[in-house]
Amino acid sequence: MRKETFYVQTRVFEKGLTASEMCVYFYLCSCANKDGICFPTRRKIRNATGLCNTTITNSIAGLKSKNMLTYTPQYTKSSGGKMRQTSNLYQIFDLSKSEE
């Protein structure tokens, strides 16, 4: 079932985010479970936000450098036996516990 609403901590406005970082952050929050974990593909992020891949990459790097999230690449084995990346697993941090 798709979530109709999502919550964002108001402290996000103290982080000095760019508009694209905020857009990506809000989308990831909309995808996250109660533990702050989500794993949308780059394509889903791009389709939802209208941002290009370079802007998404830069935004995710910016969010990570501001201690707002971390990510781990996820892989699956293809039919040829090679590993290919499917998505990233994102962990969104509780901003009330993050350091400035």
PDB file of N, CA and C in Angstrom:
ATOM      1  N   MET A   1       0.844  -1.187   0.000  1.00  0.00           N
ATOM      2  CA  MET A   1       0.000   0.000   0.000  1.00  0.00           C
ATOM      3  C   MET A   1       0.886   1.246   0.000  1.00  0.00           C
ATOM      4  N   ARG A   2       0.595   2.173  -0.848  1.00  0.00           N
ATOM      5  CA  ARG A   2       1.368   3.405  -0.975  1.00  0.00           C
ATOM      6  C   ARG A   2       1.013   4.369   0.156  1.00  0.00           C
ATOM      7  N   LYS A   3       2.052   5.007   0.714  1.00  0.00           N
ATOM      8  CA  LYS A   3       1.819   6.003   1.753  1.00  0.00           C
ATOM      9  C   LYS A   3       1.263   7.272   1.117  1.00  0.00           C
ATOM     10  N   GLU A   4       0.262   7.840   1.736  1.00  0.00           N
ATOM     11  CA  GLU A   4      -0.315   9.088   1.237  1.00  0.00           C
ATOM     12  C   GLU A   4       0.341  10.306   1.877  1.00  0.00           C
ATOM     13  N   THR A   5       0.894  10.142   3.056  1.00  0.00           N
ATOM     14  CA  THR A   5       1.573  11.241   3.749  1.00  0.00           C
ATOM     15  C   THR A   5       2.890  10.739   4.315  1.00  0.00           C
ATOM     16  N   PHE A   6       3.785  11.674   4.587  1.00  0.00           N
ATOM     17  CA  PHE A   6       5.033  11.343   5.258  1.00  0.00           C
ATOM     18  C   PHE A   6       5.448  12.535   6.096  1.00  0.00           C
ATOM     19  N   TYR A   7       6.332  12.287   7.051  1.00  0.00           N
ATOM     20  CA  TYR A   7       6.762  13.331   7.963  1.00  0.00           C
ATOM     21  C   TYR A   7       8.239  13.624   7.772  1.00  0.00           C
ATOM     22  N   VAL A   8       8.573  14.896   7.936  1.00  0.00           N
ATOM     23  CA  VAL A   8       9.957  15.350   7.864  1.00  0.00           C
ATOM     24  C   VAL A   8      10.212  16.160   9.125  1.00  0.00           C
ATOM     25  N   GLN A   9      11.341  15.924   9.753  1.00  0.00           N
ATOM     26  CA  GLN A   9      11.680  16.674  10.951  1.00  0.00           C
ATOM     27  C   GLN A   9      11.935  18.136  10.597  1.00  0.00           C
ATOM     28  N   THR A  10      11.421  19.055  11.402  1.00  0.00           N
ATOM     29  CA  THR A  10      11.575  20.481  11.106  1.00  0.00           C
ATOM     30  C   THR A  10      13.030  20.929  11.166  1.00  0.00           C
ATOM     31  N   ARG A  11      13.863  20.182  11.821  1.00  0.00           N
ATOM     32  CA  ARG A  11      15.279  20.532  11.906  1.00  0.00           C
ATOM     33  C   ARG A  11      15.963  20.496  10.536  1.00  0.00           C
ATOM     34  N   VAL A  12      15.331  19.889   9.564  1.00  0.00           N
ATOM     35  CA  VAL A  12      15.886  19.834   8.212  1.00  0.00           C
ATOM     36  C   VAL A  12      16.134  21.244   7.674  1.00  0.00           C
ATOM     37  N   PHE A  13      15.330  22.208   8.111  1.00  0.00           N
ATOM     38  CA  PHE A  13      15.463  23.577   7.623  1.00  0.00           C
ATOM     39  C   PHE A  13      16.661  24.310   8.224  1.00  0.00           C
ATOM     40  N   GLU A  14      17.319  23.694   9.205  1.00  0.00           N
ATOM     41  CA  GLU A  14      18.521  24.269   9.819  1.00  0.00           C
ATOM     42  C   GLU A  14      19.795  23.744   9.170  1.00  0.00           C
ATOM     43  N   LYS A  15      19.676  22.867   8.207  1.00  0.00           N
ATOM     44  CA  LYS A  15      20.832  22.171   7.648  1.00  0.00           C
ATOM     45  C   LYS A  15      21.468  22.863   6.453  1.00  0.00           C
ATOM     46  N   GLY A  16      20.882  23.940   5.964  1.00  0.00           N
ATOM     47  CA  GLY A  16      21.459  24.649   4.829  1.00  0.00           C
ATOM     48  C   GLY A  16      21.446  23.851   3.540  1.00  0.00           C
ATOM     49  N   LEU A  17      20.349  23.154   3.290  1.00  0.00           N
ATOM     50  CA  LEU A  17      20.247  22.315   2.095  1.00  0.00           C
ATOM     51  C   LEU A  17      19.988  23.146   0.849  1.00  0.00           C
ATOM     52  N   THR A  18      20.497  22.662  -0.268  1.00  0.00           N
ATOM     53  CA  THR A  18      20.125  23.241  -1.558  1.00  0.00           C
ATOM     54  C   THR A  18      18.713  22.761  -1.889  1.00  0.00           C
ATOM     55  N   ALA A  19      18.104  23.379  -2.875  1.00  0.00           N
ATOM     56  CA  ALA A  19      16.757  22.968  -3.283  1.00  0.00           C
ATOM     57  C   ALA A  19      16.743  21.517  -3.760  1.00  0.00           C
ATOM     58  N   SER A  20      17.771  21.111  -4.494  1.00  0.00           N
ATOM     59  CA  SER A  20      17.799  19.729  -4.990  1.00  0.00           C
ATOM     60  C   SER A  20      18.053  18.742  -3.855  1.00  0.00           C
ATOM     61  N   GLU A  21      18.904  19.101  -2.891  1.00  0.00           N
ATOM     62  CA  GLU A  21      19.113  18.221  -1.731  1.00  0.00           C
ATOM     63  C   GLU A  21      17.806  18.042  -0.968  1.00  0.00           C
ATOM     64  N   MET A  22      17.067  19.132  -0.795  1.00  0.00           N
ATOM     65  CA  MET A  22      15.797  19.053  -0.087  1.00  0.00           C
ATOM     66  C   MET A  22      14.812  18.176  -0.853  1.00  0.00           C
ATOM     67  N   CYS A  23      14.769  18.317  -2.156  1.00  0.00           N
ATOM     68  CA  CYS A  23      13.869  17.522  -2.987  1.00  0.00           C
ATOM     69  C   CYS A  23      14.184  16.030  -2.858  1.00  0.00           C
ATOM     70  N   VAL A  24      15.449  15.674  -2.966  1.00  0.00           N
ATOM     71  CA  VAL A  24      15.859  14.274  -2.840  1.00  0.00           C
ATOM     72  C   VAL A  24      15.582  13.773  -1.422  1.00  0.00           C
ATOM     73  N   TYR A  25      15.904  14.583  -0.417  1.00  0.00           N
ATOM     74  CA  TYR A  25      15.673  14.193   0.976  1.00  0.00           C
ATOM     75  C   TYR A  25      14.183  13.928   1.223  1.00  0.00           C
ATOM     76  N   PHE A  26      13.334  14.832   0.761  1.00  0.00           N
ATOM     77  CA  PHE A  26      11.895  14.646   0.949  1.00  0.00           C
ATOM     78  C   PHE A  26      11.419  13.369   0.261  1.00  0.00           C
ATOM     79  N   TYR A  27      11.920  13.108  -0.939  1.00  0.00           N
ATOM     80  CA  TYR A  27      11.503  11.885  -1.625  1.00  0.00           C
ATOM     81  C   TYR A  27      11.953  10.645  -0.849  1.00  0.00           C
ATOM     82  N   LEU A  28      13.201  10.644  -0.384  1.00  0.00           N
ATOM     83  CA  LEU A  28      13.681   9.491   0.381  1.00  0.00           C
ATOM     84  C   LEU A  28      12.868   9.313   1.660  1.00  0.00           C
ATOM     85  N   CYS A  29      12.522  10.416   2.317  1.00  0.00           N
ATOM     86  CA  CYS A  29      11.674  10.321   3.512  1.00  0.00           C
ATOM     87  C   CYS A  29      10.315   9.724   3.176  1.00  0.00           C
ATOM     88  N   SER A  30       9.786  10.060   2.010  1.00  0.00           N
ATOM     89  CA  SER A  30       8.477   9.525   1.619  1.00  0.00           C
ATOM     90  C   SER A  30       8.535   8.019   1.355  1.00  0.00           C
ATOM     91  N   CYS A  31       9.720   7.524   1.028  1.00  0.00           N
ATOM     92  CA  CYS A  31       9.903   6.092   0.753  1.00  0.00           C
ATOM     93  C   CYS A  31      10.272   5.292   1.998  1.00  0.00           C
ATOM     94  N   ALA A  32      10.765   5.968   3.020  1.00  0.00           N
ATOM     95  CA  ALA A  32      11.358   5.289   4.176  1.00  0.00           C
ATOM     96  C   ALA A  32      10.320   4.613   5.061  1.00  0.00           C
ATOM     97  N   ASN A  33      10.766   3.519   5.686  1.00  0.00           N
ATOM     98  CA  ASN A  33       9.924   2.854   6.676  1.00  0.00           C
ATOM     99  C   ASN A  33      10.098   3.559   8.024  1.00  0.00           C
ATOM    100  N   LYS A  34       9.487   3.025   9.072  1.00  0.00           N
ATOM    101  CA  LYS A  34       9.541   3.686  10.380  1.00  0.00           C
ATOM    102  C   LYS A  34      10.948   3.765  10.951  1.00  0.00           C
ATOM    103  N   ASP A  35      11.864   2.947  10.438  1.00  0.00           N
ATOM    104  CA  ASP A  35      13.252   2.967  10.893  1.00  0.00           C
ATOM    105  C   ASP A  35      14.136   3.862  10.026  1.00  0.00           C
ATOM    106  N   GLY A  36      13.540   4.549   9.065  1.00  0.00           N
ATOM    107  CA  GLY A  36      14.296   5.455   8.209  1.00  0.00           C
ATOM    108  C   GLY A  36      15.045   4.764   7.086  1.00  0.00           C
ATOM    109  N   ILE A  37      14.624   3.560   6.731  1.00  0.00           N
ATOM    110  CA  ILE A  37      15.312   2.785   5.691  1.00  0.00           C
ATOM    111  C   ILE A  37      14.459   2.733   4.428  1.00  0.00           C
ATOM    112  N   CYS A  38      15.116   2.928   3.294  1.00  0.00           N
ATOM    113  CA  CYS A  38      14.445   2.789   2.003  1.00  0.00           C
ATOM    114  C   CYS A  38      15.484   2.410   0.956  1.00  0.00           C
ATOM    115  N   PHE A  39      15.023   1.959  -0.179  1.00  0.00           N
ATOM    116  CA  PHE A  39      15.956   1.547  -1.229  1.00  0.00           C
ATOM    117  C   PHE A  39      15.380   1.799  -2.622  1.00  0.00           C
ATOM    118  N   PRO A  40      14.976   3.051  -2.905  1.00  0.00           N
ATOM    119  CA  PRO A  40      14.489   3.338  -4.254  1.00  0.00           C
ATOM    120  C   PRO A  40      15.630   3.313  -5.265  1.00  0.00           C
ATOM    121  N   THR A  41      15.326   2.937  -6.478  1.00  0.00           N
ATOM    122  CA  THR A  41      16.334   2.972  -7.538  1.00  0.00           C
ATOM    123  C   THR A  41      16.565   4.418  -7.958  1.00  0.00           C
ATOM    124  N   ARG A  42      17.681   4.633  -8.622  1.00  0.00           N
ATOM    125  CA  ARG A  42      17.993   5.966  -9.143  1.00  0.00           C
ATOM    126  C   ARG A  42      16.896   6.413 -10.115  1.00  0.00           C
ATOM    127  N   ARG A  43      16.384   5.481 -10.897  1.00  0.00           N
ATOM    128  CA  ARG A  43      15.311   5.797 -11.847  1.00  0.00           C
ATOM    129  C   ARG A  43      14.064   6.299 -11.125  1.00  0.00           C
ATOM    130  N   LYS A  44      13.698   5.649 -10.017  1.00  0.00           N
ATOM    131  CA  LYS A  44      12.518   6.094  -9.266  1.00  0.00           C
ATOM    132  C   LYS A  44      12.737   7.486  -8.682  1.00  0.00           C
ATOM    133  N   ILE A  45      13.937   7.735  -8.172  1.00  0.00           N
ATOM    134  CA  ILE A  45      14.240   9.067  -7.639  1.00  0.00           C
ATOM    135  C   ILE A  45      14.148  10.099  -8.763  1.00  0.00           C
ATOM    136  N   ARG A  46      14.724   9.784  -9.904  1.00  0.00           N
ATOM    137  CA  ARG A  46      14.714  10.690 -11.054  1.00  0.00           C
ATOM    138  C   ARG A  46      13.284  10.960 -11.528  1.00  0.00           C
ATOM    139  N   ASN A  47      12.483   9.910 -11.657  1.00  0.00           N
ATOM    140  CA  ASN A  47      11.103  10.080 -12.124  1.00  0.00           C
ATOM    141  C   ASN A  47      10.258  10.880 -11.138  1.00  0.00           C
ATOM    142  N   ALA A  48      10.476  10.669  -9.855  1.00  0.00           N
ATOM    143  CA  ALA A  48       9.678  11.357  -8.839  1.00  0.00           C
ATOM    144  C   ALA A  48      10.069  12.821  -8.674  1.00  0.00           C
ATOM    145  N   THR A  49      11.355  13.118  -8.808  1.00  0.00           N
ATOM    146  CA  THR A  49      11.836  14.475  -8.532  1.00  0.00           C
ATOM    147  C   THR A  49      12.021  15.329  -9.778  1.00  0.00           C
ATOM    148  N   GLY A  50      12.193  14.694 -10.932  1.00  0.00           N
ATOM    149  CA  GLY A  50      12.476  15.430 -12.153  1.00  0.00           C
ATOM    150  C   GLY A  50      13.915  15.897 -12.259  1.00  0.00           C
ATOM    151  N   LEU A  51      14.773  15.424 -11.357  1.00  0.00           N
ATOM    152  CA  LEU A  51      16.185  15.814 -11.361  1.00  0.00           C
ATOM    153  C   LEU A  51      16.995  14.851 -12.222  1.00  0.00           C
ATOM    154  N   CYS A  52      18.102  15.337 -12.782  1.00  0.00           N
ATOM    155  CA  CYS A  52      18.973  14.470 -13.580  1.00  0.00           C
ATOM    156  C   CYS A  52      19.881  13.649 -12.660  1.00  0.00           C
ATOM    157  N   ASN A  53      20.479  12.602 -13.206  1.00  0.00           N
ATOM    158  CA  ASN A  53      21.323  11.709 -12.412  1.00  0.00           C
ATOM    159  C   ASN A  53      22.466  12.436 -11.719  1.00  0.00           C
ATOM    160  N   THR A  54      23.110  13.377 -12.405  1.00  0.00           N
ATOM    161  CA  THR A  54      24.226  14.108 -11.801  1.00  0.00           C
ATOM    162  C   THR A  54      23.758  14.910 -10.596  1.00  0.00           C
ATOM    163  N   THR A  55      22.624  15.572 -10.716  1.00  0.00           N
ATOM    164  CA  THR A  55      22.082  16.358  -9.608  1.00  0.00           C
ATOM    165  C   THR A  55      21.691  15.452  -8.451  1.00  0.00           C
ATOM    166  N   ILE A  56      21.124  14.295  -8.751  1.00  0.00           N
ATOM    167  CA  ILE A  56      20.766  13.337  -7.700  1.00  0.00           C
ATOM    168  C   ILE A  56      22.023  12.860  -6.985  1.00  0.00           C
ATOM    169  N   THR A  57      23.053  12.504  -7.740  1.00  0.00           N
ATOM    170  CA  THR A  57      24.311  12.047  -7.148  1.00  0.00           C
ATOM    171  C   THR A  57      24.904  13.127  -6.255  1.00  0.00           C
ATOM    172  N   ASN A  58      24.943  14.360  -6.748  1.00  0.00           N
ATOM    173  CA  ASN A  58      25.483  15.465  -5.954  1.00  0.00           C
ATOM    174  C   ASN A  58      24.637  15.739  -4.717  1.00  0.00           C
ATOM    175  N   SER A  59      23.330  15.614  -4.837  1.00  0.00           N
ATOM    176  CA  SER A  59      22.433  15.839  -3.708  1.00  0.00           C
ATOM    177  C   SER A  59      22.622  14.781  -2.633  1.00  0.00           C
ATOM    178  N   ILE A  60      22.733  13.535  -3.037  1.00  0.00           N
ATOM    179  CA  ILE A  60      22.951  12.452  -2.072  1.00  0.00           C
ATOM    180  C   ILE A  60      24.293  12.637  -1.375  1.00  0.00           C
ATOM    181  N   ALA A  61      25.317  13.021  -2.129  1.00  0.00           N
ATOM    182  CA  ALA A  61      26.633  13.283  -1.527  1.00  0.00           C
ATOM    183  C   ALA A  61      26.540  14.435  -0.531  1.00  0.00           C
ATOM    184  N   GLY A  62      25.787  15.469  -0.877  1.00  0.00           N
ATOM    185  CA  GLY A  62      25.603  16.598   0.031  1.00  0.00           C
ATOM    186  C   GLY A  62      24.875  16.200   1.301  1.00  0.00           C
ATOM    187  N   LEU A  63      23.838  15.393   1.170  1.00  0.00           N
ATOM    188  CA  LEU A  63      23.091  14.923   2.341  1.00  0.00           C
ATOM    189  C   LEU A  63      23.970  14.057   3.236  1.00  0.00           C
ATOM    190  N   LYS A  64      24.792  13.233   2.617  1.00  0.00           N
ATOM    191  CA  LYS A  64      25.708  12.387   3.390  1.00  0.00           C
ATOM    192  C   LYS A  64      26.739  13.251   4.119  1.00  0.00           C
ATOM    193  N   SER A  65      27.285  14.255   3.444  1.00  0.00           N
ATOM    194  CA  SER A  65      28.301  15.113   4.069  1.00  0.00           C
ATOM    195  C   SER A  65      27.712  15.950   5.204  1.00  0.00           C
ATOM    196  N   LYS A  66      26.404  16.161   5.187  1.00  0.00           N
ATOM    197  CA  LYS A  66      25.727  16.907   6.249  1.00  0.00           C
ATOM    198  C   LYS A  66      25.192  15.973   7.332  1.00  0.00           C
ATOM    199  N   ASN A  67      25.625  14.721   7.298  1.00  0.00           N
ATOM    200  CA  ASN A  67      25.247  13.708   8.296  1.00  0.00           C
ATOM    201  C   ASN A  67      23.739  13.513   8.407  1.00  0.00           C
ATOM    202  N   MET A  68      23.078  13.509   7.258  1.00  0.00           N
ATOM    203  CA  MET A  68      21.637  13.308   7.247  1.00  0.00           C
ATOM    204  C   MET A  68      21.243  11.901   6.831  1.00  0.00           C
ATOM    205  N   LEU A  69      22.159  11.215   6.149  1.00  0.00           N
ATOM    206  CA  LEU A  69      21.886   9.845   5.725  1.00  0.00           C
ATOM    207  C   LEU A  69      23.189   9.142   5.388  1.00  0.00           C
ATOM    208  N   THR A  70      23.075   7.863   5.225  1.00  0.00           N
ATOM    209  CA  THR A  70      24.156   7.055   4.675  1.00  0.00           C
ATOM    210  C   THR A  70      23.519   6.092   3.682  1.00  0.00           C
ATOM    211  N   TYR A  71      24.342   5.492   2.863  1.00  0.00           N
ATOM    212  CA  TYR A  71      23.795   4.534   1.902  1.00  0.00           C
ATOM    213  C   TYR A  71      24.781   3.404   1.665  1.00  0.00           C
ATOM    214  N   THR A  72      24.230   2.259   1.290  1.00  0.00           N
ATOM    215  CA  THR A  72      25.008   1.066   0.991  1.00  0.00           C
ATOM    216  C   THR A  72      24.521   0.511  -0.344  1.00  0.00           C
ATOM    217  N   PRO A  73      25.406   0.336  -1.317  1.00  0.00           N
ATOM    218  CA  PRO A  73      24.988  -0.246  -2.597  1.00  0.00           C
ATOM    219  C   PRO A  73      24.443  -1.665  -2.404  1.00  0.00           C
ATOM    220  N   GLN A  74      23.386  -1.989  -3.136  1.00  0.00           N
ATOM    221  CA  GLN A  74      22.772  -3.311  -3.102  1.00  0.00           C
ATOM    222  C   GLN A  74      23.036  -3.998  -4.439  1.00  0.00           C
ATOM    223  N   TYR A  75      23.385  -5.280  -4.390  1.00  0.00           N
ATOM    224  CA  TYR A  75      23.737  -6.025  -5.599  1.00  0.00           C
ATOM    225  C   TYR A  75      22.913  -7.296  -5.712  1.00  0.00           C
ATOM    226  N   THR A  76      22.769  -7.766  -6.943  1.00  0.00           N
ATOM    227  CA  THR A  76      22.155  -9.054  -7.221  1.00  0.00           C
ATOM    228  C   THR A  76      22.985  -9.731  -8.306  1.00  0.00           C
ATOM    229  N   LYS A  77      22.908 -11.037  -8.346  1.00  0.00           N
ATOM    230  CA  LYS A  77      23.648 -11.789  -9.364  1.00  0.00           C
ATOM    231  C   LYS A  77      22.796 -11.880 -10.625  1.00  0.00           C
ATOM    232  N   SER A  78      23.375 -11.498 -11.751  1.00  0.00           N
ATOM    233  CA  SER A  78      22.652 -11.559 -13.026  1.00  0.00           C
ATOM    234  C   SER A  78      22.631 -12.996 -13.536  1.00  0.00           C
ATOM    235  N   SER A  79      21.881 -13.232 -14.596  1.00  0.00           N
ATOM    236  CA  SER A  79      21.779 -14.582 -15.156  1.00  0.00           C
ATOM    237  C   SER A  79      23.132 -15.087 -15.647  1.00  0.00           C
ATOM    238  N   GLY A  80      24.031 -14.183 -16.011  1.00  0.00           N
ATOM    239  CA  GLY A  80      25.373 -14.568 -16.447  1.00  0.00           C
ATOM    240  C   GLY A  80      26.334 -14.792 -15.294  1.00  0.00           C
ATOM    241  N   GLY A  81      25.844 -14.628 -14.072  1.00  0.00           N
ATOM    242  CA  GLY A  81      26.676 -14.855 -12.898  1.00  0.00           C
ATOM    243  C   GLY A  81      27.423 -13.626 -12.410  1.00  0.00           C
ATOM    244  N   LYS A  82      27.310 -12.525 -13.132  1.00  0.00           N
ATOM    245  CA  LYS A  82      27.986 -11.299 -12.714  1.00  0.00           C
ATOM    246  C   LYS A  82      27.115 -10.545 -11.716  1.00  0.00           C
ATOM    247  N   MET A  83      27.765  -9.826 -10.820  1.00  0.00           N
ATOM    248  CA  MET A  83      27.048  -9.005  -9.855  1.00  0.00           C
ATOM    249  C   MET A  83      26.718  -7.663 -10.505  1.00  0.00           C
ATOM    250  N   ARG A  84      25.490  -7.201 -10.293  1.00  0.00           N
ATOM    251  CA  ARG A  84      25.117  -5.879 -10.792  1.00  0.00           C
ATOM    252  C   ARG A  84      24.375  -5.126  -9.692  1.00  0.00           C
ATOM    253  N   GLN A  85      24.607  -3.827  -9.660  1.00  0.00           N
ATOM    254  CA  GLN A  85      23.961  -3.019  -8.636  1.00  0.00           C
ATOM    255  C   GLN A  85      22.504  -2.802  -8.996  1.00  0.00           C
ATOM    256  N   THR A  86      21.630  -2.971  -8.001  1.00  0.00           N
ATOM    257  CA  THR A  86      20.203  -2.787  -8.217  1.00  0.00           C
ATOM    258  C   THR A  86      19.722  -1.449  -7.674  1.00  0.00           C
ATOM    259  N   SER A  87      20.206  -1.066  -6.519  1.00  0.00           N
ATOM    260  CA  SER A  87      19.801   0.182  -5.871  1.00  0.00           C
ATOM    261  C   SER A  87      20.760   0.433  -4.720  1.00  0.00           C
ATOM    262  N   ASN A  88      20.517   1.504  -4.004  1.00  0.00           N
ATOM    263  CA  ASN A  88      21.218   1.753  -2.748  1.00  0.00           C
ATOM    264  C   ASN A  88      20.225   1.562  -1.619  1.00  0.00           C
ATOM    265  N   LEU A  89      20.699   1.096  -0.485  1.00  0.00           N
ATOM    266  CA  LEU A  89      19.891   1.077   0.721  1.00  0.00           C
ATOM    267  C   LEU A  89      20.238   2.355   1.463  1.00  0.00           C
ATOM    268  N   TYR A  90      19.255   3.215   1.667  1.00  0.00           N
ATOM    269  CA  TYR A  90      19.459   4.491   2.347  1.00  0.00           C
ATOM    270  C   TYR A  90      18.996   4.377   3.790  1.00  0.00           C
ATOM    271  N   GLN A  91      19.787   4.922   4.693  1.00  0.00           N
ATOM    272  CA  GLN A  91      19.414   5.028   6.103  1.00  0.00           C
ATOM    273  C   GLN A  91      19.345   6.514   6.418  1.00  0.00           C
ATOM    274  N   ILE A  92      18.147   7.001   6.675  1.00  0.00           N
ATOM    275  CA  ILE A  92      17.944   8.409   7.013  1.00  0.00           C
ATOM    276  C   ILE A  92      18.098   8.548   8.522  1.00  0.00           C
ATOM    277  N   PHE A  93      18.926   9.499   8.938  1.00  0.00           N
ATOM    278  CA  PHE A  93      19.221   9.670  10.356  1.00  0.00           C
ATOM    279  C   PHE A  93      18.174  10.529  11.055  1.00  0.00           C
ATOM    280  N   ASP A  94      18.007  10.261  12.345  1.00  0.00           N
ATOM    281  CA  ASP A  94      17.175  11.081  13.215  1.00  0.00           C
ATOM    282  C   ASP A  94      17.938  12.381  13.450  1.00  0.00           C
ATOM    283  N   LEU A  95      17.444  13.486  12.937  1.00  0.00           N
ATOM    284  CA  LEU A  95      18.164  14.753  13.013  1.00  0.00           C
ATOM    285  C   LEU A  95      18.266  15.294  14.430  1.00  0.00           C
ATOM    286  N   SER A  96      17.376  14.866  15.314  1.00  0.00           N
ATOM    287  CA  SER A  96      17.459  15.330  16.699  1.00  0.00           C
ATOM    288  C   SER A  96      18.660  14.721  17.415  1.00  0.00           C
ATOM    289  N   LYS A  97      19.229  13.659  16.838  1.00  0.00           N
ATOM    290  CA  LYS A  97      20.383  12.993  17.446  1.00  0.00           C
ATOM    291  C   LYS A  97      21.679  13.292  16.714  1.00  0.00           C
ATOM    292  N   SER A  98      21.593  14.008  15.573  1.00  0.00           N
ATOM    293  CA  SER A  98      22.806  14.276  14.802  1.00  0.00           C
ATOM    294  C   SER A  98      23.531  15.489  15.356  1.00  0.00           C
ATOM    295  N   GLU A  99      24.828  15.489  15.128  1.00  0.00           N
ATOM    296  CA  GLU A  99      25.647  16.602  15.588  1.00  0.00           C
ATOM    297  C   GLU A  99      25.714  17.649  14.503  1.00  0.00           C
ATOM    298  N   GLU A 100      25.895  18.879  14.914  1.00  0.00           N
ATOM    299  CA  GLU A 100      26.030  19.986  13.959  1.00  0.00           C
ATOM    300  C   GLU A 100      27.380  19.963  13.334  1.00  0.00           C
TER     301      GLU A 100
END
